[in-house]
């Protein structure tokens, strides 16, 4: 693949404010979510957020940014990548 000076890899950043406001950038797909767990693919691998009363406040498809409200108990990265094309965004957009 030739060098492209305009290409930049997706930036992955996790910002937790207290335990009740989480912002994640570099989100590629949301696999599943409920009030106790959100599972997503990010630029750095599969990320699992667990807690209570978790709600996706905002999901920006263009910027790959996810905002979550609720009590965050843990963030963990999975070793094995999640299967591509089976997540929430793929179902919405026919992937």
PDB file of N, CA and C in Angstrom:
ATOM      1  N   UNK A   1       0.852  -1.180   0.000  1.00  0.00           N
ATOM      2  CA  UNK A   1       0.000   0.000   0.000  1.00  0.00           C
ATOM      3  C   UNK A   1       0.896   1.240   0.000  1.00  0.00           C
ATOM      4  N   UNK A   2       0.695   2.148  -0.955  1.00  0.00           N
ATOM      5  CA  UNK A   2       1.535   3.342  -1.015  1.00  0.00           C
ATOM      6  C   UNK A   2       1.253   4.276   0.152  1.00  0.00           C
ATOM      7  N   UNK A   3       2.240   5.067   0.498  1.00  0.00           N
ATOM      8  CA  UNK A   3       2.119   6.037   1.579  1.00  0.00           C
ATOM      9  C   UNK A   3       1.139   7.133   1.195  1.00  0.00           C
ATOM     10  N   UNK A   4       0.215   7.437   2.058  1.00  0.00           N
ATOM     11  CA  UNK A   4      -0.747   8.506   1.838  1.00  0.00           C
ATOM     12  C   UNK A   4      -0.608   9.509   2.972  1.00  0.00           C
ATOM     13  N   UNK A   5      -0.049  10.706   2.691  1.00  0.00           N
ATOM     14  CA  UNK A   5       0.174  11.674   3.778  1.00  0.00           C
ATOM     15  C   UNK A   5      -1.112  12.200   4.394  1.00  0.00           C
ATOM     16  N   UNK A   6      -2.238  12.059   3.691  1.00  0.00           N
ATOM     17  CA  UNK A   6      -3.510  12.539   4.238  1.00  0.00           C
ATOM     18  C   UNK A   6      -4.212  11.498   5.098  1.00  0.00           C
ATOM     19  N   UNK A   7      -3.723  10.246   5.073  1.00  0.00           N
ATOM     20  CA  UNK A   7      -4.356   9.179   5.848  1.00  0.00           C
ATOM     21  C   UNK A   7      -3.898   9.251   7.293  1.00  0.00           C
ATOM     22  N   UNK A   8      -4.849   9.127   8.194  1.00  0.00           N
ATOM     23  CA  UNK A   8      -4.495   9.024   9.606  1.00  0.00           C
ATOM     24  C   UNK A   8      -5.303   7.877  10.204  1.00  0.00           C
ATOM     25  N   UNK A   9      -4.625   7.048  10.972  1.00  0.00           N
ATOM     26  CA  UNK A   9      -5.296   5.925  11.614  1.00  0.00           C
ATOM     27  C   UNK A   9      -6.333   6.464  12.598  1.00  0.00           C
ATOM     28  N   UNK A  10      -7.426   5.739  12.779  1.00  0.00           N
ATOM     29  CA  UNK A  10      -8.438   6.201  13.730  1.00  0.00           C
ATOM     30  C   UNK A  10      -7.841   6.355  15.124  1.00  0.00           C
ATOM     31  N   UNK A  11      -8.134   7.475  15.752  1.00  0.00           N
ATOM     32  CA  UNK A  11      -7.639   7.733  17.095  1.00  0.00           C
ATOM     33  C   UNK A  11      -8.585   7.092  18.097  1.00  0.00           C
ATOM     34  N   UNK A  12      -7.992   6.374  19.043  1.00  0.00           N
ATOM     35  CA  UNK A  12      -8.797   5.749  20.088  1.00  0.00           C
ATOM     36  C   UNK A  12      -8.476   6.441  21.402  1.00  0.00           C
ATOM     37  N   UNK A  13      -9.518   6.938  22.039  1.00  0.00           N
ATOM     38  CA  UNK A  13      -9.347   7.627  23.315  1.00  0.00           C
ATOM     39  C   UNK A  13     -10.511   7.256  24.212  1.00  0.00           C
ATOM     40  N   UNK A  14     -10.223   7.071  25.486  1.00  0.00           N
ATOM     41  CA  UNK A  14     -11.247   6.770  26.481  1.00  0.00           C
ATOM     42  C   UNK A  14     -11.164   7.842  27.561  1.00  0.00           C
ATOM     43  N   UNK A  15     -12.290   8.529  27.793  1.00  0.00           N
ATOM     44  CA  UNK A  15     -12.349   9.561  28.824  1.00  0.00           C
ATOM     45  C   UNK A  15     -13.491   9.227  29.767  1.00  0.00           C
ATOM     46  N   UNK A  16     -13.155   9.036  31.030  1.00  0.00           N
ATOM     47  CA  UNK A  16     -14.160   8.740  32.051  1.00  0.00           C
ATOM     48  C   UNK A  16     -14.200   9.904  33.033  1.00  0.00           C
ATOM     49  N   UNK A  17     -15.375  10.529  33.138  1.00  0.00           N
ATOM     50  CA  UNK A  17     -15.568  11.640  34.063  1.00  0.00           C
ATOM     51  C   UNK A  17     -16.316  11.111  35.270  1.00  0.00           C
ATOM     52  N   UNK A  18     -15.625  11.054  36.412  1.00  0.00           N
ATOM     53  CA  UNK A  18     -16.209  10.406  37.584  1.00  0.00           C
ATOM     54  C   UNK A  18     -16.416   8.946  37.216  1.00  0.00           C
ATOM     55  N   UNK A  19     -17.566   8.414  37.550  1.00  0.00           N
ATOM     56  CA  UNK A  19     -17.922   7.052  37.117  1.00  0.00           C
ATOM     57  C   UNK A  19     -19.221   7.054  36.334  1.00  0.00           C
ATOM     58  N   UNK A  20     -19.680   8.259  35.937  1.00  0.00           N
ATOM     59  CA  UNK A  20     -21.004   8.316  35.337  1.00  0.00           C
ATOM     60  C   UNK A  20     -21.057   8.938  33.952  1.00  0.00           C
ATOM     61  N   UNK A  21     -19.937   9.279  33.360  1.00  0.00           N
ATOM     62  CA  UNK A  21     -19.924   9.859  32.012  1.00  0.00           C
ATOM     63  C   UNK A  21     -18.687   9.355  31.278  1.00  0.00           C
ATOM     64  N   UNK A  22     -18.902   8.590  30.206  1.00  0.00           N
ATOM     65  CA  UNK A  22     -17.818   7.956  29.464  1.00  0.00           C
ATOM     66  C   UNK A  22     -17.880   8.395  28.009  1.00  0.00           C
ATOM     67  N   UNK A  23     -16.742   8.802  27.471  1.00  0.00           N
ATOM     68  CA  UNK A  23     -16.633   9.147  26.060  1.00  0.00           C
ATOM     69  C   UNK A  23     -15.537   8.291  25.450  1.00  0.00           C
ATOM     70  N   UNK A  24     -15.847   7.632  24.339  1.00  0.00           N
ATOM     71  CA  UNK A  24     -14.891   6.756  23.667  1.00  0.00           C
ATOM     72  C   UNK A  24     -14.818   7.174  22.209  1.00  0.00           C
ATOM     73  N   UNK A  25     -13.606   7.406  21.701  1.00  0.00           N
ATOM     74  CA  UNK A  25     -13.436   7.694  20.281  1.00  0.00           C
ATOM     75  C   UNK A  25     -12.743   6.506  19.626  1.00  0.00           C
ATOM     76  N   UNK A  26     -12.805   6.440  18.326  1.00  0.00           N
ATOM     77  CA  UNK A  26     -12.242   5.306  17.601  1.00  0.00           C
ATOM     78  C   UNK A  26     -13.153   4.096  17.614  1.00  0.00           C
ATOM     79  N   UNK A  27     -14.448   4.311  17.848  1.00  0.00           N
ATOM     80  CA  UNK A  27     -15.424   3.218  17.854  1.00  0.00           C
ATOM     81  C   UNK A  27     -15.769   2.869  16.407  1.00  0.00           C
ATOM     82  N   UNK A  28     -15.599   1.610  16.064  1.00  0.00           N
ATOM     83  CA  UNK A  28     -15.888   1.149  14.709  1.00  0.00           C
ATOM     84  C   UNK A  28     -17.260   0.498  14.601  1.00  0.00           C
ATOM     85  N   UNK A  29     -17.720  -0.146  15.669  1.00  0.00           N
ATOM     86  CA  UNK A  29     -19.000  -0.844  15.636  1.00  0.00           C
ATOM     87  C   UNK A  29     -19.430  -1.163  17.062  1.00  0.00           C
ATOM     88  N   UNK A  30     -20.723  -1.125  17.319  1.00  0.00           N
ATOM     89  CA  UNK A  30     -21.270  -1.554  18.603  1.00  0.00           C
ATOM     90  C   UNK A  30     -21.895  -2.925  18.368  1.00  0.00           C
ATOM     91  N   UNK A  31     -21.356  -3.931  19.030  1.00  0.00           N
ATOM     92  CA  UNK A  31     -21.839  -5.301  18.863  1.00  0.00           C
ATOM     93  C   UNK A  31     -23.158  -5.533  19.583  1.00  0.00           C
ATOM     94  N   UNK A  32     -23.209  -5.129  20.849  1.00  0.00           N
ATOM     95  CA  UNK A  32     -24.433  -5.298  21.628  1.00  0.00           C
ATOM     96  C   UNK A  32     -24.370  -4.371  22.845  1.00  0.00           C
ATOM     97  N   UNK A  33     -25.550  -4.103  23.388  1.00  0.00           N
ATOM     98  CA  UNK A  33     -25.594  -3.268  24.584  1.00  0.00           C
ATOM     99  C   UNK A  33     -26.882  -3.506  25.345  1.00  0.00           C
ATOM    100  N   UNK A  34     -26.799  -3.327  26.639  1.00  0.00           N
ATOM    101  CA  UNK A  34     -27.963  -3.278  27.510  1.00  0.00           C
ATOM    102  C   UNK A  34     -27.574  -2.411  28.695  1.00  0.00           C
ATOM    103  N   UNK A  35     -28.382  -2.402  29.737  1.00  0.00           N
ATOM    104  CA  UNK A  35     -28.118  -1.503  30.859  1.00  0.00           C
ATOM    105  C   UNK A  35     -26.926  -1.915  31.709  1.00  0.00           C
ATOM    106  N   UNK A  36     -26.400  -3.127  31.507  1.00  0.00           N
ATOM    107  CA  UNK A  36     -25.270  -3.578  32.318  1.00  0.00           C
ATOM    108  C   UNK A  36     -23.992  -3.820  31.515  1.00  0.00           C
ATOM    109  N   UNK A  37     -24.078  -3.802  30.167  1.00  0.00           N
ATOM    110  CA  UNK A  37     -22.882  -4.096  29.380  1.00  0.00           C
ATOM    111  C   UNK A  37     -22.997  -3.503  27.978  1.00  0.00           C
ATOM    112  N   UNK A  38     -21.883  -2.922  27.508  1.00  0.00           N
ATOM    113  CA  UNK A  38     -21.772  -2.444  26.129  1.00  0.00           C
ATOM    114  C   UNK A  38     -20.518  -3.074  25.549  1.00  0.00           C
ATOM    115  N   UNK A  39     -20.667  -3.740  24.396  1.00  0.00           N
ATOM    116  CA  UNK A  39     -19.548  -4.412  23.740  1.00  0.00           C
ATOM    117  C   UNK A  39     -19.360  -3.766  22.378  1.00  0.00           C
ATOM    118  N   UNK A  40     -18.120  -3.334  22.091  1.00  0.00           N
ATOM    119  CA  UNK A  40     -17.857  -2.622  20.843  1.00  0.00           C
ATOM    120  C   UNK A  40     -16.499  -2.973  20.266  1.00  0.00           C
ATOM    121  N   UNK A  41     -16.345  -2.763  18.968  1.00  0.00           N
ATOM    122  CA  UNK A  41     -15.049  -2.831  18.304  1.00  0.00           C
ATOM    123  C   UNK A  41     -14.502  -1.415  18.241  1.00  0.00           C
ATOM    124  N   UNK A  42     -13.228  -1.255  18.597  1.00  0.00           N
ATOM    125  CA  UNK A  42     -12.580   0.044  18.508  1.00  0.00           C
ATOM    126  C   UNK A  42     -11.322  -0.095  17.653  1.00  0.00           C
ATOM    127  N   UNK A  43     -10.676   1.016  17.407  1.00  0.00           N
ATOM    128  CA  UNK A  43      -9.427   1.016  16.647  1.00  0.00           C
ATOM    129  C   UNK A  43      -8.338   0.220  17.367  1.00  0.00           C
ATOM    130  N   UNK A  44      -8.503  -0.035  18.665  1.00  0.00           N
ATOM    131  CA  UNK A  44      -7.513  -0.774  19.452  1.00  0.00           C
ATOM    132  C   UNK A  44      -7.986  -2.168  19.846  1.00  0.00           C
ATOM    133  N   UNK A  45      -9.118  -2.615  19.319  1.00  0.00           N
ATOM    134  CA  UNK A  45      -9.633  -3.945  19.624  1.00  0.00           C
ATOM    135  C   UNK A  45     -10.998  -3.892  20.280  1.00  0.00           C
ATOM    136  N   UNK A  46     -11.470  -5.059  20.682  1.00  0.00           N
ATOM    137  CA  UNK A  46     -12.789  -5.176  21.303  1.00  0.00           C
ATOM    138  C   UNK A  46     -12.743  -4.604  22.721  1.00  0.00           C
ATOM    139  N   UNK A  47     -13.724  -3.770  23.047  1.00  0.00           N
ATOM    140  CA  UNK A  47     -13.805  -3.137  24.362  1.00  0.00           C
ATOM    141  C   UNK A  47     -15.157  -3.466  24.979  1.00  0.00           C
ATOM    142  N   UNK A  48     -15.135  -3.893  26.251  1.00  0.00           N
ATOM    143  CA  UNK A  48     -16.350  -4.213  26.995  1.00  0.00           C
ATOM    144  C   UNK A  48     -16.454  -3.229  28.158  1.00  0.00           C
ATOM    145  N   UNK A  49     -17.584  -2.545  28.246  1.00  0.00           N
ATOM    146  CA  UNK A  49     -17.870  -1.623  29.348  1.00  0.00           C
ATOM    147  C   UNK A  49     -18.970  -2.269  30.174  1.00  0.00           C
ATOM    148  N   UNK A  50     -18.739  -2.418  31.471  1.00  0.00           N
ATOM    149  CA  UNK A  50     -19.768  -2.969  32.348  1.00  0.00           C
ATOM    150  C   UNK A  50     -20.115  -1.962  33.429  1.00  0.00           C
ATOM    151  N   UNK A  51     -21.353  -2.047  33.918  1.00  0.00           N
ATOM    152  CA  UNK A  51     -21.815  -1.132  34.948  1.00  0.00           C
ATOM    153  C   UNK A  51     -23.294  -1.291  35.192  1.00  0.00           C
ATOM    154  N   UNK A  52     -23.919  -0.211  35.642  1.00  0.00           N
ATOM    155  CA  UNK A  52     -25.348  -0.210  35.923  1.00  0.00           C
ATOM    156  C   UNK A  52     -25.999   0.996  35.276  1.00  0.00           C
ATOM    157  N   UNK A  53     -27.215   0.800  34.788  1.00  0.00           N
ATOM    158  CA  UNK A  53     -27.988   1.872  34.149  1.00  0.00           C
ATOM    159  C   UNK A  53     -27.223   2.532  33.001  1.00  0.00           C
ATOM    160  N   UNK A  54     -26.500   1.733  32.220  1.00  0.00           N
ATOM    161  CA  UNK A  54     -25.731   2.261  31.097  1.00  0.00           C
ATOM    162  C   UNK A  54     -26.668   2.603  29.946  1.00  0.00           C
ATOM    163  N   UNK A  55     -26.492   3.792  29.411  1.00  0.00           N
ATOM    164  CA  UNK A  55     -27.295   4.252  28.283  1.00  0.00           C
ATOM    165  C   UNK A  55     -26.373   4.926  27.274  1.00  0.00           C
ATOM    166  N   UNK A  56     -26.543   4.578  26.009  1.00  0.00           N
ATOM    167  CA  UNK A  56     -25.784   5.263  24.960  1.00  0.00           C
ATOM    168  C   UNK A  56     -26.474   6.593  24.719  1.00  0.00           C
ATOM    169  N   UNK A  57     -25.784   7.660  25.090  1.00  0.00           N
ATOM    170  CA  UNK A  57     -26.327   9.004  24.961  1.00  0.00           C
ATOM    171  C   UNK A  57     -26.152   9.512  23.535  1.00  0.00           C
ATOM    172  N   UNK A  58     -25.010   9.173  22.906  1.00  0.00           N
ATOM    173  CA  UNK A  58     -24.731   9.652  21.558  1.00  0.00           C
ATOM    174  C   UNK A  58     -23.789   8.680  20.872  1.00  0.00           C
ATOM    175  N   UNK A  59     -24.054   8.408  19.603  1.00  0.00           N
ATOM    176  CA  UNK A  59     -23.153   7.610  18.783  1.00  0.00           C
ATOM    177  C   UNK A  59     -22.981   8.347  17.471  1.00  0.00           C
ATOM    178  N   UNK A  60     -21.770   8.834  17.224  1.00  0.00           N
ATOM    179  CA  UNK A  60     -21.473   9.540  15.990  1.00  0.00           C
ATOM    180  C   UNK A  60     -20.881   8.565  14.993  1.00  0.00           C
ATOM    181  N   UNK A  61     -21.591   8.283  13.923  1.00  0.00           N
ATOM    182  CA  UNK A  61     -21.105   7.358  12.915  1.00  0.00           C
ATOM    183  C   UNK A  61     -19.934   7.943  12.140  1.00  0.00           C
ATOM    184  N   UNK A  62     -19.963   9.230  11.902  1.00  0.00           N
ATOM    185  CA  UNK A  62     -18.888   9.867  11.137  1.00  0.00           C
ATOM    186  C   UNK A  62     -17.579   9.896  11.909  1.00  0.00           C
ATOM    187  N   UNK A  63     -17.648  10.297  13.168  1.00  0.00           N
ATOM    188  CA  UNK A  63     -16.422  10.447  13.952  1.00  0.00           C
ATOM    189  C   UNK A  63     -16.059   9.241  14.790  1.00  0.00           C
ATOM    190  N   UNK A  64     -16.930   8.236  14.840  1.00  0.00           N
ATOM    191  CA  UNK A  64     -16.643   7.053  15.639  1.00  0.00           C
ATOM    192  C   UNK A  64     -16.600   7.340  17.128  1.00  0.00           C
ATOM    193  N   UNK A  65     -17.446   8.241  17.575  1.00  0.00           N
ATOM    194  CA  UNK A  65     -17.434   8.623  18.985  1.00  0.00           C
ATOM    195  C   UNK A  65     -18.712   8.150  19.667  1.00  0.00           C
ATOM    196  N   UNK A  66     -18.545   7.622  20.871  1.00  0.00           N
ATOM    197  CA  UNK A  66     -19.641   7.080  21.655  1.00  0.00           C
ATOM    198  C   UNK A  66     -19.658   7.759  23.017  1.00  0.00           C
ATOM    199  N   UNK A  67     -20.846   8.219  23.443  1.00  0.00           N
ATOM    200  CA  UNK A  67     -21.023   8.811  24.772  1.00  0.00           C
ATOM    201  C   UNK A  67     -21.950   7.903  25.563  1.00  0.00           C
ATOM    202  N   UNK A  68     -21.545   7.562  26.772  1.00  0.00           N
ATOM    203  CA  UNK A  68     -22.319   6.665  27.627  1.00  0.00           C
ATOM    204  C   UNK A  68     -22.574   7.349  28.962  1.00  0.00           C
ATOM    205  N   UNK A  69     -23.817   7.269  29.424  1.00  0.00           N
ATOM    206  CA  UNK A  69     -24.194   7.729  30.762  1.00  0.00           C
ATOM    207  C   UNK A  69     -24.548   6.506  31.593  1.00  0.00           C
ATOM    208  N   UNK A  70     -24.335   6.584  32.895  1.00  0.00           N
ATOM    209  CA  UNK A  70     -24.634   5.495  33.819  1.00  0.00           C
ATOM    210  C   UNK A  70     -23.418   5.213  34.675  1.00  0.00           C
ATOM    211  N   UNK A  71     -23.549   4.307  35.620  1.00  0.00           N
ATOM    212  CA  UNK A  71     -22.418   3.999  36.497  1.00  0.00           C
ATOM    213  C   UNK A  71     -21.498   2.980  35.833  1.00  0.00           C
ATOM    214  N   UNK A  72     -20.273   3.391  35.579  1.00  0.00           N
ATOM    215  CA  UNK A  72     -19.286   2.519  34.951  1.00  0.00           C
ATOM    216  C   UNK A  72     -18.516   1.782  36.051  1.00  0.00           C
ATOM    217  N   UNK A  73     -18.536   0.440  35.977  1.00  0.00           N
ATOM    218  CA  UNK A  73     -17.803  -0.376  36.936  1.00  0.00           C
ATOM    219  C   UNK A  73     -16.467  -0.850  36.386  1.00  0.00           C
ATOM    220  N   UNK A  74     -16.409  -1.151  35.076  1.00  0.00           N
ATOM    221  CA  UNK A  74     -15.171  -1.694  34.510  1.00  0.00           C
ATOM    222  C   UNK A  74     -15.097  -1.461  33.013  1.00  0.00           C
ATOM    223  N   UNK A  75     -13.876  -1.333  32.517  1.00  0.00           N
ATOM    224  CA  UNK A  75     -13.561  -1.288  31.098  1.00  0.00           C
ATOM    225  C   UNK A  75     -12.534  -2.379  30.858  1.00  0.00           C
ATOM    226  N   UNK A  76     -12.771  -3.224  29.860  1.00  0.00           N
ATOM    227  CA  UNK A  76     -11.787  -4.273  29.583  1.00  0.00           C
ATOM    228  C   UNK A  76     -11.694  -4.519  28.082  1.00  0.00           C
ATOM    229  N   UNK A  77     -10.468  -4.775  27.640  1.00  0.00           N
ATOM    230  CA  UNK A  77     -10.218  -5.098  26.238  1.00  0.00           C
ATOM    231  C   UNK A  77     -10.128  -6.603  26.099  1.00  0.00           C
ATOM    232  N   UNK A  78     -10.755  -7.131  25.054  1.00  0.00           N
ATOM    233  CA  UNK A  78     -10.730  -8.562  24.781  1.00  0.00           C
ATOM    234  C   UNK A  78      -9.557  -8.865  23.867  1.00  0.00           C
ATOM    235  N   UNK A  79      -8.931 -10.050  24.063  1.00  0.00           N
ATOM    236  CA  UNK A  79      -7.811 -10.446  23.225  1.00  0.00           C
ATOM    237  C   UNK A  79      -8.245 -10.777  21.812  1.00  0.00           C
ATOM    238  N   UNK A  80      -9.322 -11.524  21.679  1.00  0.00           N
ATOM    239  CA  UNK A  80      -9.796 -11.939  20.356  1.00  0.00           C
ATOM    240  C   UNK A  80     -10.692 -10.848  19.782  1.00  0.00           C
ATOM    241  N   UNK A  81     -10.467 -10.455  18.519  1.00  0.00           N
ATOM    242  CA  UNK A  81     -11.345  -9.451  17.912  1.00  0.00           C
ATOM    243  C   UNK A  81     -12.749 -10.006  17.708  1.00  0.00           C
ATOM    244  N   UNK A  82     -13.729  -9.130  17.730  1.00  0.00           N
ATOM    245  CA  UNK A  82     -15.112  -9.520  17.487  1.00  0.00           C
ATOM    246  C   UNK A  82     -15.306  -9.716  15.992  1.00  0.00           C
ATOM    247  N   UNK A  83     -16.252 -10.554  15.624  1.00  0.00           N
ATOM    248  CA  UNK A  83     -16.537 -10.799  14.208  1.00  0.00           C
ATOM    249  C   UNK A  83     -17.050  -9.533  13.563  1.00  0.00           C
ATOM    250  N   UNK A  84     -16.487  -9.175  12.446  1.00  0.00           N
ATOM    251  CA  UNK A  84     -16.904  -7.967  11.723  1.00  0.00           C
ATOM    252  C   UNK A  84     -18.218  -8.224  10.998  1.00  0.00           C
ATOM    253  N   UNK A  85     -19.011  -7.162  10.880  1.00  0.00           N
ATOM    254  CA  UNK A  85     -20.221  -7.246  10.084  1.00  0.00           C
ATOM    255  C   UNK A  85     -21.432  -7.794  10.802  1.00  0.00           C
ATOM    256  N   UNK A  86     -21.324  -8.076  12.092  1.00  0.00           N
ATOM    257  CA  UNK A  86     -22.472  -8.621  12.797  1.00  0.00           C
ATOM    258  C   UNK A  86     -23.008  -7.670  13.854  1.00  0.00           C
ATOM    259  N   UNK A  87     -22.414  -6.492  13.941  1.00  0.00           N
ATOM    260  CA  UNK A  87     -22.787  -5.577  15.002  1.00  0.00           C
ATOM    261  C   UNK A  87     -24.006  -4.733  14.699  1.00  0.00           C
ATOM    262  N   UNK A  88     -24.302  -3.867  15.615  1.00  0.00           N
ATOM    263  CA  UNK A  88     -25.463  -2.997  15.550  1.00  0.00           C
ATOM    264  C   UNK A  88     -25.432  -2.121  14.306  1.00  0.00           C
ATOM    265  N   UNK A  89     -24.311  -1.498  14.019  1.00  0.00           N
ATOM    266  CA  UNK A  89     -24.234  -0.610  12.860  1.00  0.00           C
ATOM    267  C   UNK A  89     -24.378  -1.391  11.563  1.00  0.00           C
ATOM    268  N   UNK A  90     -23.797  -2.580  11.497  1.00  0.00           N
ATOM    269  CA  UNK A  90     -23.916  -3.404  10.298  1.00  0.00           C
ATOM    270  C   UNK A  90     -25.376  -3.790  10.057  1.00  0.00           C
ATOM    271  N   UNK A  91     -26.103  -4.067  11.124  1.00  0.00           N
ATOM    272  CA  UNK A  91     -27.516  -4.427  10.966  1.00  0.00           C
ATOM    273  C   UNK A  91     -28.329  -3.228  10.471  1.00  0.00           C
ATOM    274  N   UNK A  92     -27.997  -2.018  10.957  1.00  0.00           N
ATOM    275  CA  UNK A  92     -28.713  -0.830  10.509  1.00  0.00           C
ATOM    276  C   UNK A  92     -28.434  -0.519   9.055  1.00  0.00           C
ATOM    277  N   UNK A  93     -27.170  -0.724   8.644  1.00  0.00           N
ATOM    278  CA  UNK A  93     -26.757  -0.298   7.308  1.00  0.00           C
ATOM    279  C   UNK A  93     -26.547  -1.448   6.340  1.00  0.00           C
ATOM    280  N   UNK A  94     -27.046  -2.643   6.696  1.00  0.00           N
ATOM    281  CA  UNK A  94     -27.014  -3.763   5.766  1.00  0.00           C
ATOM    282  C   UNK A  94     -25.668  -4.360   5.526  1.00  0.00           C
ATOM    283  N   UNK A  95     -24.743  -4.296   6.533  1.00  0.00           N
ATOM    284  CA  UNK A  95     -23.382  -4.815   6.354  1.00  0.00           C
ATOM    285  C   UNK A  95     -23.284  -6.297   6.517  1.00  0.00           C
TER     286      UNK A  95
END
